Amino acid sequence: MQIFAKNTRIGVLGGTFDPIHIGHLLLAEAARVQAELSQVLFMPVHIQPFKQDADISSDDDRIRMLRLATQNNRYFQVSTIECDKGGVSYTIDSLRALKQEHNGADIFFLIGTDMFLNIEKWKDSDKLIREFALVVGIRPGYHTDEAESLAEKLREQYGAYIIFVDNPPIELSSTEIRDRVRRSDTIRYRVPEKVRQFLLVREKQGEKRFEHTKRVMDLAVDMAARFGDDVFKAETAALFHDYCKDPNGGTENDINHAGMAAEVARDEFCIIDEDLLNAIRYHTTGRAGMSRLEKILFLADTVEPGRKYKSIKELRETCLDDLDRGTFTVLVELKKYLEMNGIEVSKDTDAAIQYERGKLGQ
């Protein structure tokens, strides 16, 4: 394979990423620096050829975790090419598609030592080795001689372009991390903090409640972008907003779950941003003088796409068009609903209605 100096150099790290962990990120960064890559694409598989019966998290959850892990690194991006395609994923097909997608850039495939030693068993491995550069993460003393011997063989046989990079010797596996989550053992520092939050909230809430949470996250991020607020804070507030709500749909903690969730976010997850905590704390009632972030979470929870009550479409359009008017409208509707069902209206809700009415000049 011939590498051209003028071409963009893009690294591709494939895998299940269930979840992505620090080991993946360290390999990607080592490859980016030592192989002089312009960017690294994390490419989650839909179904791996060697793990077709594996029980893994949904494509959506794994993609979300990858984006959370890489969102603050401009050199790291997520490619959903294999998940979008569906079916069994074969590396040769995906790398060819990525090369075309990136206008003929030089594609460097990132792999660990174990995968490299078995690469000749892969589908169309001869074509893969001829067409794409390989960046192999090597840990000191771990099958180093075998890897170097194989590399020499592949260079002679296929004209392979292979780079070895120093991979930090960290023993981590996604399987171990999932097991630790189930046992309520700590995973702090094994995964990025935002991924840890995602995993623990998902485990606490259960599938049905967590689907609602993800819809609120998406809408909150969209609204934050629309109205000029911090999208990362909106995403985090939405992730935690129902943390203390009964995952089975019961009424346990129904009244106090918002305040309890704010306390958990602060005490157990070390979130200290008061605006973010207040957004969680008042997302069920509102309050006088709500910040923009507080309004975003309050509305995103009320009008997320899974809500099916009457006039929801019109209400959602109002919220997306005018944050203040949307807030006032939802507060009034909330009070009507509570009174119709014989539920006491919070003093915070009454105060919020009066405040927003005055702000709108009504």
Protein backbone atom coordinates (compact mmCIF):
# COMPACT_ATOMS: atom_id res chain seq x y z
CA MET A 1 0.00 0.00 0.00
CA GLN A 2 1.21 3.51 -0.83
CA ILE A 3 0.65 6.43 1.55
CA PHE A 4 0.64 9.93 0.07
CA ALA A 5 2.01 12.79 2.17
CA LYS A 6 -0.55 15.25 0.83
CA ASN A 7 -3.54 13.10 1.78
CA THR A 8 -5.60 13.44 4.95
CA ARG A 9 -4.77 10.64 7.40
CA ILE A 10 -7.85 9.28 9.14
CA GLY A 11 -7.71 6.61 11.82
CA VAL A 12 -10.63 4.22 12.29
CA LEU A 13 -11.17 2.34 15.55
CA GLY A 14 -13.96 -0.22 15.31
CA GLY A 15 -15.57 -2.25 18.06
CA THR A 16 -18.67 -2.96 20.06
CA PHE A 17 -17.95 -0.18 22.57
CA ASP A 18 -20.41 -1.53 25.14
CA PRO A 19 -19.32 0.65 26.79
CA ILE A 20 -16.41 2.67 25.48
CA HIS A 21 -13.73 2.81 28.16
CA ILE A 22 -10.45 4.53 28.93
CA GLY A 23 -8.45 1.83 27.15
CA HIS A 24 -10.17 2.61 23.85
CA LEU A 25 -9.48 6.32 24.25
CA LEU A 26 -5.84 5.80 25.18
CA LEU A 27 -5.27 3.63 22.08
CA ALA A 28 -6.98 6.21 19.87
CA GLU A 29 -4.88 9.05 21.28
CA ALA A 30 -1.64 7.06 21.04
CA ALA A 31 -2.42 6.26 17.41
CA ARG A 32 -3.39 9.85 16.62
CA VAL A 33 -0.12 11.23 17.95
CA GLN A 34 2.36 8.52 16.95
CA ALA A 35 0.87 7.83 13.51
CA GLU A 36 0.28 11.55 12.88
CA LEU A 37 -3.43 11.17 12.17
CA SER A 38 -5.62 14.19 11.49
CA GLN A 39 -8.58 12.57 13.23
CA VAL A 40 -9.82 9.28 14.63
CA LEU A 41 -13.24 7.87 13.84
CA PHE A 42 -14.85 5.57 16.41
CA MET A 43 -16.93 3.09 14.41
CA PRO A 44 -19.38 0.99 16.48
CA VAL A 45 -20.40 -2.28 14.86
CA HIS A 46 -24.01 -3.31 14.41
CA ILE A 47 -23.27 -7.05 14.53
CA GLN A 48 -19.72 -8.38 14.72
CA PRO A 49 -18.93 -11.43 12.54
CA PHE A 50 -17.28 -13.18 15.49
CA LYS A 51 -19.95 -12.19 18.04
CA GLN A 52 -23.24 -12.68 16.20
CA ASP A 53 -24.98 -14.12 19.28
CA ALA A 54 -23.67 -11.51 21.70
CA ASP A 55 -26.16 -9.69 23.91
CA ILE A 56 -25.14 -6.06 23.57
CA SER A 57 -26.69 -2.68 24.20
CA SER A 58 -28.71 -1.01 21.47
CA ASP A 59 -26.96 0.84 18.67
CA ASP A 60 -28.52 4.03 20.01
CA ASP A 61 -27.10 3.63 23.52
CA ARG A 62 -23.61 2.73 22.31
CA ILE A 63 -23.54 5.65 19.88
CA ARG A 64 -24.71 8.01 22.63
CA MET A 65 -21.94 6.82 24.95
CA LEU A 66 -19.34 7.26 22.21
CA ARG A 67 -20.51 10.81 21.57
CA LEU A 68 -20.46 11.59 25.29
CA ALA A 69 -16.90 10.22 25.52
CA THR A 70 -15.58 12.18 22.54
CA GLN A 71 -17.58 15.41 22.58
CA ASN A 72 -14.77 17.52 24.03
CA ASN A 73 -12.05 16.29 21.66
CA ARG A 74 -12.04 17.88 18.22
CA TYR A 75 -9.82 15.11 16.86
CA PHE A 76 -12.29 12.36 17.78
CA GLN A 77 -15.50 11.75 15.84
CA VAL A 78 -18.12 8.98 15.74
CA SER A 79 -19.02 7.19 12.51
CA THR A 80 -22.36 5.36 12.48
CA ILE A 81 -21.75 3.81 9.07
CA GLU A 82 -22.03 0.19 10.28
CA CYS A 83 -25.03 0.78 12.54
CA ASP A 84 -26.81 2.67 9.74
CA LYS A 85 -26.18 -0.20 7.33
CA GLY A 86 -27.42 -2.89 9.71
CA GLY A 87 -26.64 -6.58 9.43
CA VAL A 88 -23.25 -8.17 9.99
CA SER A 89 -20.36 -5.71 9.77
CA TYR A 90 -17.26 -6.55 7.73
CA THR A 91 -14.32 -4.21 8.16
CA ILE A 92 -13.19 -4.25 4.53
CA ASP A 93 -16.61 -3.01 3.35
CA SER A 94 -16.78 -0.27 5.96
CA LEU A 95 -13.27 1.03 5.33
CA ARG A 96 -13.90 1.20 1.59
CA ALA A 97 -17.10 3.16 2.22
CA LEU A 98 -15.29 5.53 4.59
CA LYS A 99 -12.50 6.12 2.07
CA GLN A 100 -15.10 7.12 -0.49
CA GLU A 101 -17.00 9.23 2.05
CA HIS A 102 -13.81 11.12 2.92
CA ASN A 103 -12.79 11.82 -0.67
CA GLY A 104 -9.99 9.29 -0.95
CA ALA A 105 -8.26 10.07 2.36
CA ASP A 106 -5.68 7.58 3.58
CA ILE A 107 -7.47 5.30 6.04
CA PHE A 108 -5.51 3.82 8.95
CA PHE A 109 -7.22 0.93 10.70
CA LEU A 110 -6.50 0.85 14.45
CA ILE A 111 -6.32 -2.53 16.18
CA GLY A 112 -4.90 -4.10 19.31
CA THR A 113 -2.33 -6.86 19.34
CA ASP A 114 -4.80 -9.74 19.77
CA MET A 115 -6.89 -8.64 16.78
CA PHE A 116 -3.79 -8.09 14.67
CA LEU A 117 -2.48 -11.62 15.36
CA ASN A 118 -5.77 -13.01 14.02
CA ILE A 119 -6.29 -10.62 11.10
CA GLU A 120 -5.65 -13.27 8.45
CA LYS A 121 -8.87 -15.02 9.56
CA TRP A 122 -10.98 -11.98 8.63
CA LYS A 123 -13.14 -11.71 5.53
CA ASP A 124 -11.03 -10.60 2.55
CA SER A 125 -8.06 -10.06 4.85
CA ASP A 126 -5.66 -9.98 1.89
CA LYS A 127 -7.56 -7.05 0.34
CA LEU A 128 -7.85 -5.31 3.72
CA ILE A 129 -4.09 -5.55 4.27
CA ARG A 130 -3.27 -4.40 0.74
CA GLU A 131 -5.69 -1.47 0.65
CA PHE A 132 -5.44 0.03 4.13
CA ALA A 133 -2.71 0.98 6.57
CA LEU A 134 -2.72 -0.79 9.92
CA VAL A 135 -1.91 0.89 13.22
CA VAL A 136 -1.27 -1.74 15.87
CA GLY A 137 -1.29 -0.93 19.56
CA ILE A 138 1.53 -2.81 21.29
CA ARG A 139 1.80 -3.27 25.04
CA PRO A 140 5.32 -3.83 26.41
CA GLY A 141 6.15 -7.53 26.54
CA TYR A 142 2.75 -8.67 25.24
CA HIS A 143 3.27 -10.90 22.15
CA THR A 144 5.68 -8.32 20.77
CA ASP A 145 7.87 -10.82 18.90
CA GLU A 146 4.84 -12.54 17.35
CA ALA A 147 3.39 -9.22 16.19
CA GLU A 148 6.67 -8.08 14.64
CA SER A 149 7.10 -11.43 12.90
CA LEU A 150 3.58 -11.27 11.45
CA ALA A 151 4.09 -7.67 10.35
CA GLU A 152 7.23 -8.62 8.44
CA LYS A 153 5.41 -11.49 6.77
CA LEU A 154 2.48 -9.24 5.73
CA ARG A 155 4.84 -6.58 4.40
CA GLU A 156 6.61 -9.14 2.21
CA GLN A 157 3.45 -10.91 1.09
CA TYR A 158 1.05 -8.00 0.58
CA GLY A 159 3.14 -4.82 0.67
CA ALA A 160 1.38 -3.98 3.95
CA TYR A 161 1.82 -0.56 5.58
CA ILE A 162 1.98 -1.26 9.32
CA ILE A 163 2.79 1.10 12.18
CA PHE A 164 3.32 -0.06 15.75
CA VAL A 165 2.36 2.41 18.48
CA ASP A 166 2.94 2.17 22.21
CA ASN A 167 -0.35 1.28 23.86
CA PRO A 168 -0.54 1.94 27.63
CA PRO A 169 -0.71 -1.38 29.54
CA ILE A 170 -4.17 -0.99 31.06
CA GLU A 171 -6.26 -4.11 31.68
CA LEU A 172 -9.87 -3.13 31.01
CA SER A 173 -12.77 -4.83 29.30
CA SER A 174 -16.28 -3.67 28.50
CA THR A 175 -17.64 -6.96 29.85
CA GLU A 176 -16.00 -6.33 33.23
CA ILE A 177 -17.42 -2.80 33.33
CA ARG A 178 -20.96 -4.02 32.58
CA ASP A 179 -20.62 -6.63 35.33
CA ARG A 180 -19.45 -4.01 37.80
CA VAL A 181 -22.46 -1.82 36.98
CA ARG A 182 -24.80 -4.76 37.67
CA ARG A 183 -23.06 -5.43 40.99
CA SER A 184 -23.11 -1.72 41.91
CA ASP A 185 -19.30 -1.69 42.05
CA THR A 186 -17.53 1.52 41.16
CA ILE A 187 -16.56 2.17 37.55
CA ARG A 188 -15.17 5.63 38.21
CA TYR A 189 -12.04 6.32 36.13
CA ARG A 190 -12.60 3.17 34.07
CA VAL A 191 -14.86 5.10 31.71
CA PRO A 192 -15.23 8.84 30.99
CA GLU A 193 -17.38 10.54 33.64
CA LYS A 194 -20.25 11.30 31.27
CA VAL A 195 -20.34 7.64 30.21
CA ARG A 196 -20.35 6.59 33.86
CA GLN A 197 -23.33 8.86 34.49
CA PHE A 198 -25.17 7.45 31.48
CA LEU A 199 -24.57 3.83 32.55
CA LEU A 200 -25.63 4.36 36.15
CA VAL A 201 -28.77 6.32 35.28
CA ARG A 202 -29.75 3.66 32.73
CA GLU A 203 -29.21 0.88 35.27
CA LYS A 204 -31.25 2.74 37.90
CA GLN A 205 -34.18 3.68 35.67
CA GLY A 206 -34.78 0.59 33.61
CA GLU A 207 -35.51 0.47 29.88
CA LYS A 208 -38.93 2.13 29.71
CA ARG A 209 -38.15 5.12 31.93
CA PHE A 210 -34.76 5.55 30.30
CA GLU A 211 -36.31 5.81 26.84
CA HIS A 212 -38.24 8.84 28.13
CA THR A 213 -35.02 10.26 29.58
CA LYS A 214 -33.23 9.96 26.23
CA ARG A 215 -36.07 11.76 24.43
CA VAL A 216 -35.89 14.56 26.99
CA MET A 217 -32.12 14.73 26.51
CA ASP A 218 -32.49 15.09 22.75
CA LEU A 219 -35.14 17.79 22.99
CA ALA A 220 -33.27 19.67 25.72
CA VAL A 221 -30.12 19.72 23.57
CA ASP A 222 -32.12 20.93 20.58
CA MET A 223 -33.76 23.68 22.61
CA ALA A 224 -30.47 24.75 24.19
CA ALA A 225 -28.98 25.13 20.72
CA ARG A 226 -32.04 27.08 19.55
CA PHE A 227 -32.11 29.47 22.49
CA GLY A 228 -28.37 29.93 23.03
CA ASP A 229 -27.81 27.92 26.18
CA ASP A 230 -25.14 25.37 27.07
CA VAL A 231 -26.05 22.13 25.26
CA PHE A 232 -23.81 20.01 27.50
CA LYS A 233 -25.46 21.31 30.68
CA ALA A 234 -28.91 20.79 29.14
CA GLU A 235 -27.99 17.20 28.25
CA THR A 236 -26.70 16.46 31.76
CA ALA A 237 -29.71 18.03 33.48
CA ALA A 238 -32.04 15.98 31.30
CA LEU A 239 -30.11 12.79 32.03
CA PHE A 240 -30.62 13.18 35.78
CA HIS A 241 -34.07 14.77 35.90
CA ASP A 242 -35.99 11.54 36.68
CA TYR A 243 -33.19 9.68 38.45
CA CYS A 244 -35.24 9.26 41.63
CA LYS A 245 -38.58 8.51 39.99
CA ASP A 246 -40.07 5.03 40.39
CA PRO A 247 -38.79 3.09 37.33
CA ASN A 248 -41.91 0.93 37.35
CA GLY A 249 -44.27 3.86 36.89
CA GLY A 250 -45.56 3.88 40.45
CA THR A 251 -46.12 6.93 42.60
CA GLU A 252 -43.24 6.35 44.99
CA ASN A 253 -41.22 9.57 45.28
CA ASP A 254 -43.55 11.15 42.67
CA ILE A 255 -43.88 14.43 44.53
CA ASN A 256 -40.30 14.83 45.68
CA HIS A 257 -38.36 13.06 42.93
CA ALA A 258 -37.09 16.28 41.32
CA GLY A 259 -35.52 17.63 44.50
CA MET A 260 -34.15 14.20 45.39
CA ALA A 261 -32.57 13.87 41.94
CA ALA A 262 -30.82 17.22 42.35
CA GLU A 263 -29.39 16.09 45.67
CA VAL A 264 -28.15 12.82 44.15
CA ALA A 265 -26.58 14.66 41.22
CA ARG A 266 -24.74 16.89 43.67
CA ASP A 267 -23.77 14.36 46.36
CA GLU A 268 -23.16 11.18 44.37
CA PHE A 269 -22.06 12.55 41.00
CA CYS A 270 -20.24 15.69 42.23
CA ILE A 271 -22.22 18.07 40.01
CA ILE A 272 -21.83 21.53 41.53
CA ASP A 273 -23.26 23.82 38.86
CA GLU A 274 -26.19 25.48 40.64
CA ASP A 275 -28.04 26.39 37.46
CA LEU A 276 -27.92 22.76 36.34
CA LEU A 277 -29.00 21.51 39.76
CA ASN A 278 -31.88 24.00 39.88
CA ALA A 279 -33.03 22.88 36.45
CA ILE A 280 -33.35 19.36 37.86
CA ARG A 281 -34.84 20.56 41.16
CA TYR A 282 -37.67 22.61 39.61
CA HIS A 283 -38.41 20.66 36.44
CA THR A 284 -41.80 19.48 37.75
CA THR A 285 -43.10 22.74 39.19
CA GLY A 286 -41.20 25.66 37.73
CA ARG A 287 -40.53 28.66 39.94
CA ALA A 288 -40.45 32.45 39.75
CA GLY A 289 -37.45 33.78 37.85
CA MET A 290 -36.52 30.54 36.12
CA SER A 291 -33.24 30.59 34.23
CA ARG A 292 -33.15 29.73 30.56
CA LEU A 293 -31.79 26.26 31.36
CA GLU A 294 -34.53 25.67 33.95
CA LYS A 295 -37.17 26.55 31.35
CA ILE A 296 -35.57 24.29 28.75
CA LEU A 297 -35.66 21.22 30.99
CA PHE A 298 -39.16 22.05 32.31
CA LEU A 299 -40.49 22.24 28.74
CA ALA A 300 -38.45 19.35 27.29
CA ASP A 301 -39.83 17.01 29.94
CA THR A 302 -43.40 18.19 29.25
CA VAL A 303 -43.45 18.13 25.45
CA GLU A 304 -40.91 15.43 24.50
CA PRO A 305 -42.03 13.38 21.47
CA GLY A 306 -43.24 10.45 23.58
CA ARG A 307 -46.00 12.55 25.17
CA LYS A 308 -49.38 11.83 23.58
CA TYR A 309 -51.89 14.09 25.33
CA LYS A 310 -54.29 16.39 23.48
CA SER A 311 -52.86 19.49 21.79
CA ILE A 312 -49.27 18.32 22.39
CA LYS A 313 -48.20 19.17 18.84
CA GLU A 314 -49.33 22.79 19.09
CA LEU A 315 -47.85 23.09 22.58
CA ARG A 316 -44.50 21.73 21.40
CA GLU A 317 -44.44 24.19 18.49
CA THR A 318 -45.08 27.07 20.89
CA CYS A 319 -42.23 25.93 23.14
CA LEU A 320 -39.81 25.63 20.23
CA ASP A 321 -40.82 29.03 18.86
CA ASP A 322 -40.80 31.17 22.02
CA LEU A 323 -39.22 29.97 25.26
CA ASP A 324 -40.96 32.46 27.53
CA ARG A 325 -44.42 32.06 25.99
CA GLY A 326 -43.99 28.30 25.96
CA THR A 327 -43.07 28.33 29.64
CA PHE A 328 -46.10 30.42 30.58
CA THR A 329 -48.46 28.26 28.49
CA VAL A 330 -47.18 25.01 29.99
CA LEU A 331 -47.36 26.39 33.54
CA VAL A 332 -51.01 27.38 33.03
CA GLU A 333 -51.81 23.98 31.53
CA LEU A 334 -50.03 22.27 34.40
CA LYS A 335 -52.10 24.14 36.98
CA LYS A 336 -55.33 23.27 35.14
CA TYR A 337 -54.37 19.59 35.04
CA LEU A 338 -53.52 19.47 38.75
CA GLU A 339 -56.75 21.22 39.78
CA MET A 340 -58.88 18.97 37.57
CA ASN A 341 -57.32 15.90 39.22
CA GLY A 342 -57.59 17.21 42.77
CA ILE A 343 -53.83 17.56 43.19
CA GLU A 344 -52.44 20.44 45.21
CA VAL A 345 -50.74 23.09 43.09
CA SER A 346 -47.23 23.94 44.26
CA LYS A 347 -46.62 27.46 45.51
CA ASP A 348 -43.65 27.50 43.14
CA THR A 349 -45.98 26.88 40.18
CA ASP A 350 -48.30 29.71 41.21
CA ALA A 351 -45.35 32.04 41.68
CA ALA A 352 -43.92 31.04 38.30
CA ILE A 353 -47.24 31.76 36.55
CA GLN A 354 -47.44 35.22 38.07
CA TYR A 355 -43.83 35.97 37.23
CA GLU A 356 -44.12 34.84 33.59
CA ARG A 357 -47.46 36.64 33.17
CA GLY A 358 -45.81 39.87 34.26
CA LYS A 359 -42.85 39.26 32.01
CA LEU A 360 -45.16 38.82 29.02
CA GLY A 361 -47.20 41.89 30.00
CA GLN A 362 -50.44 39.92 30.36
